[in-house]
Amino acid sequence: MSECAKTDKEQTYISINRSLNNLRSALIRFEELLDEYTLNANSLTSAEDCDKEQEGVASTWTFASSKIEENTKRLHELIDRLDNIFR
């Protein structure tokens, strides 16, 4: 392999790794926001003046956030696999 081609390949791998790290950081920040919103939704149901609509919203959010958490876990796994490929 020519030196130029090797350098191009290395630069591509560096760029991919940088992008994966940025994606990982964004995903972590997303999870932090998800946790924050989940806490807010849970606080709705603990309020004394909580009505049925608020309970429904909180329940829906809890279900949706659990599904989102499952998918973010899968994204972390995918990022890790891609990271291993491009090292």
C-alpha atoms as a PDB file:
ATOM      1  CA  MET A   1       0.000   0.000   0.000  1.00  0.00           C
ATOM      2  CA  SER A   2       1.386   3.390  -0.897  1.00  0.00           C
ATOM      3  CA  GLU A   3       2.252   5.811   1.893  1.00  0.00           C
ATOM      4  CA  CYS A   4      -0.362   8.282   0.628  1.00  0.00           C
ATOM      5  CA  ALA A   5      -3.122   5.659   0.634  1.00  0.00           C
ATOM      6  CA  LYS A   6      -2.095   4.526   4.108  1.00  0.00           C
ATOM      7  CA  THR A   7      -2.256   8.111   5.338  1.00  0.00           C
ATOM      8  CA  ASP A   8      -5.687   8.582   3.765  1.00  0.00           C
ATOM      9  CA  LYS A   9      -6.914   5.404   5.440  1.00  0.00           C
ATOM     10  CA  GLU A  10      -5.507   6.506   8.796  1.00  0.00           C
ATOM     11  CA  GLN A  11      -7.137   9.921   8.416  1.00  0.00           C
ATOM     12  CA  THR A  12     -10.448   8.269   7.595  1.00  0.00           C
ATOM     13  CA  TYR A  13     -10.204   6.093  10.721  1.00  0.00           C
ATOM     14  CA  ILE A  14      -9.328   9.130  12.846  1.00  0.00           C
ATOM     15  CA  SER A  15     -12.313  10.985  11.427  1.00  0.00           C
ATOM     16  CA  ILE A  16     -14.635   8.035  12.049  1.00  0.00           C
ATOM     17  CA  ASN A  17     -13.376   7.654  15.629  1.00  0.00           C
ATOM     18  CA  ARG A  18     -13.884  11.362  16.255  1.00  0.00           C
ATOM     19  CA  SER A  19     -17.435  11.103  14.917  1.00  0.00           C
ATOM     20  CA  LEU A  20     -18.135   8.055  17.085  1.00  0.00           C
ATOM     21  CA  ASN A  21     -16.837   9.899  20.155  1.00  0.00           C
ATOM     22  CA  ASN A  22     -19.059  12.874  19.333  1.00  0.00           C
ATOM     23  CA  LEU A  23     -22.028  10.542  18.894  1.00  0.00           C
ATOM     24  CA  ARG A  24     -21.259   8.832  22.203  1.00  0.00           C
ATOM     25  CA  SER A  25     -21.079  12.215  23.972  1.00  0.00           C
ATOM     26  CA  ALA A  26     -24.377  13.331  22.446  1.00  0.00           C
ATOM     27  CA  LEU A  27     -26.012  10.059  23.465  1.00  0.00           C
ATOM     28  CA  ILE A  28     -24.798  10.473  27.054  1.00  0.00           C
ATOM     29  CA  ARG A  29     -26.190  14.018  27.152  1.00  0.00           C
ATOM     30  CA  PHE A  30     -29.482  12.720  25.729  1.00  0.00           C
ATOM     31  CA  GLU A  31     -29.641  10.118  28.509  1.00  0.00           C
ATOM     32  CA  GLU A  32     -29.042  12.825  31.117  1.00  0.00           C
ATOM     33  CA  LEU A  33     -31.955  14.833  29.714  1.00  0.00           C
ATOM     34  CA  LEU A  34     -34.123  11.723  29.617  1.00  0.00           C
ATOM     35  CA  ASP A  35     -33.398  11.100  33.300  1.00  0.00           C
ATOM     36  CA  GLU A  36     -34.245  14.707  34.121  1.00  0.00           C
ATOM     37  CA  TYR A  37     -37.571  14.565  32.273  1.00  0.00           C
ATOM     38  CA  THR A  38     -38.385  11.221  33.880  1.00  0.00           C
ATOM     39  CA  LEU A  39     -37.822  12.713  37.328  1.00  0.00           C
ATOM     40  CA  ASN A  40     -40.123  15.585  36.392  1.00  0.00           C
ATOM     41  CA  ALA A  41     -42.798  13.175  35.164  1.00  0.00           C
ATOM     42  CA  ASN A  42     -42.519  11.142  38.349  1.00  0.00           C
ATOM     43  CA  SER A  43     -42.884  14.279  40.445  1.00  0.00           C
ATOM     44  CA  LEU A  44     -46.216  14.933  38.711  1.00  0.00           C
ATOM     45  CA  THR A  45     -47.695  11.780  40.175  1.00  0.00           C
ATOM     46  CA  SER A  46     -46.352  12.465  43.654  1.00  0.00           C
ATOM     47  CA  ALA A  47     -48.032  15.879  43.864  1.00  0.00           C
ATOM     48  CA  GLU A  48     -51.103  15.939  46.093  1.00  0.00           C
ATOM     49  CA  ASP A  49     -53.204  17.714  43.484  1.00  0.00           C
ATOM     50  CA  CYS A  50     -52.307  15.215  40.752  1.00  0.00           C
ATOM     51  CA  ASP A  51     -55.233  14.586  38.430  1.00  0.00           C
ATOM     52  CA  LYS A  52     -55.948  11.658  36.129  1.00  0.00           C
ATOM     53  CA  GLU A  53     -54.588  13.480  33.077  1.00  0.00           C
ATOM     54  CA  GLN A  54     -51.251  14.126  34.792  1.00  0.00           C
ATOM     55  CA  GLU A  55     -51.124  10.508  35.921  1.00  0.00           C
ATOM     56  CA  GLY A  56     -51.732   9.426  32.325  1.00  0.00           C
ATOM     57  CA  VAL A  57     -48.990  11.687  31.008  1.00  0.00           C
ATOM     58  CA  ALA A  58     -46.548  10.443  33.633  1.00  0.00           C
ATOM     59  CA  SER A  59     -47.458   6.819  32.936  1.00  0.00           C
ATOM     60  CA  THR A  60     -47.038   7.291  29.197  1.00  0.00           C
ATOM     61  CA  TRP A  61     -43.710   9.034  29.729  1.00  0.00           C
ATOM     62  CA  THR A  62     -42.474   6.241  31.996  1.00  0.00           C
ATOM     63  CA  PHE A  63     -43.331   3.632  29.369  1.00  0.00           C
ATOM     64  CA  ALA A  64     -41.812   5.668  26.526  1.00  0.00           C
ATOM     65  CA  SER A  65     -38.649   6.446  28.466  1.00  0.00           C
ATOM     66  CA  SER A  66     -38.094   2.762  29.225  1.00  0.00           C
ATOM     67  CA  LYS A  67     -38.278   1.995  25.499  1.00  0.00           C
ATOM     68  CA  ILE A  68     -35.944   4.899  24.730  1.00  0.00           C
ATOM     69  CA  GLU A  69     -33.482   3.594  27.334  1.00  0.00           C
ATOM     70  CA  GLU A  70     -33.505   0.161  25.672  1.00  0.00           C
ATOM     71  CA  ASN A  71     -32.691   1.749  22.329  1.00  0.00           C
ATOM     72  CA  THR A  72     -29.966   4.011  23.726  1.00  0.00           C
ATOM     73  CA  LYS A  73     -28.346   0.916  25.239  1.00  0.00           C
ATOM     74  CA  ARG A  74     -28.379  -0.671  21.784  1.00  0.00           C
ATOM     75  CA  LEU A  75     -26.873   2.484  20.308  1.00  0.00           C
ATOM     76  CA  HIS A  76     -24.052   2.372  22.865  1.00  0.00           C
ATOM     77  CA  GLU A  77     -23.380  -1.246  21.905  1.00  0.00           C
ATOM     78  CA  LEU A  78     -23.365  -0.359  18.211  1.00  0.00           C
ATOM     79  CA  ILE A  79     -21.007   2.566  18.787  1.00  0.00           C
ATOM     80  CA  ASP A  80     -18.671   0.291  20.762  1.00  0.00           C
ATOM     81  CA  ARG A  81     -18.660  -2.295  17.967  1.00  0.00           C
ATOM     82  CA  LEU A  82     -17.976   0.353  15.334  1.00  0.00           C
ATOM     83  CA  ASP A  83     -15.259   1.818  17.528  1.00  0.00           C
ATOM     84  CA  ASN A  84     -13.589  -1.606  17.720  1.00  0.00           C
ATOM     85  CA  ILE A  85     -13.781  -2.025  13.948  1.00  0.00           C
ATOM     86  CA  PHE A  86     -12.158   1.326  13.205  1.00  0.00           C
ATOM     87  CA  ARG A  87      -9.305   1.170  15.710  1.00  0.00           C
END
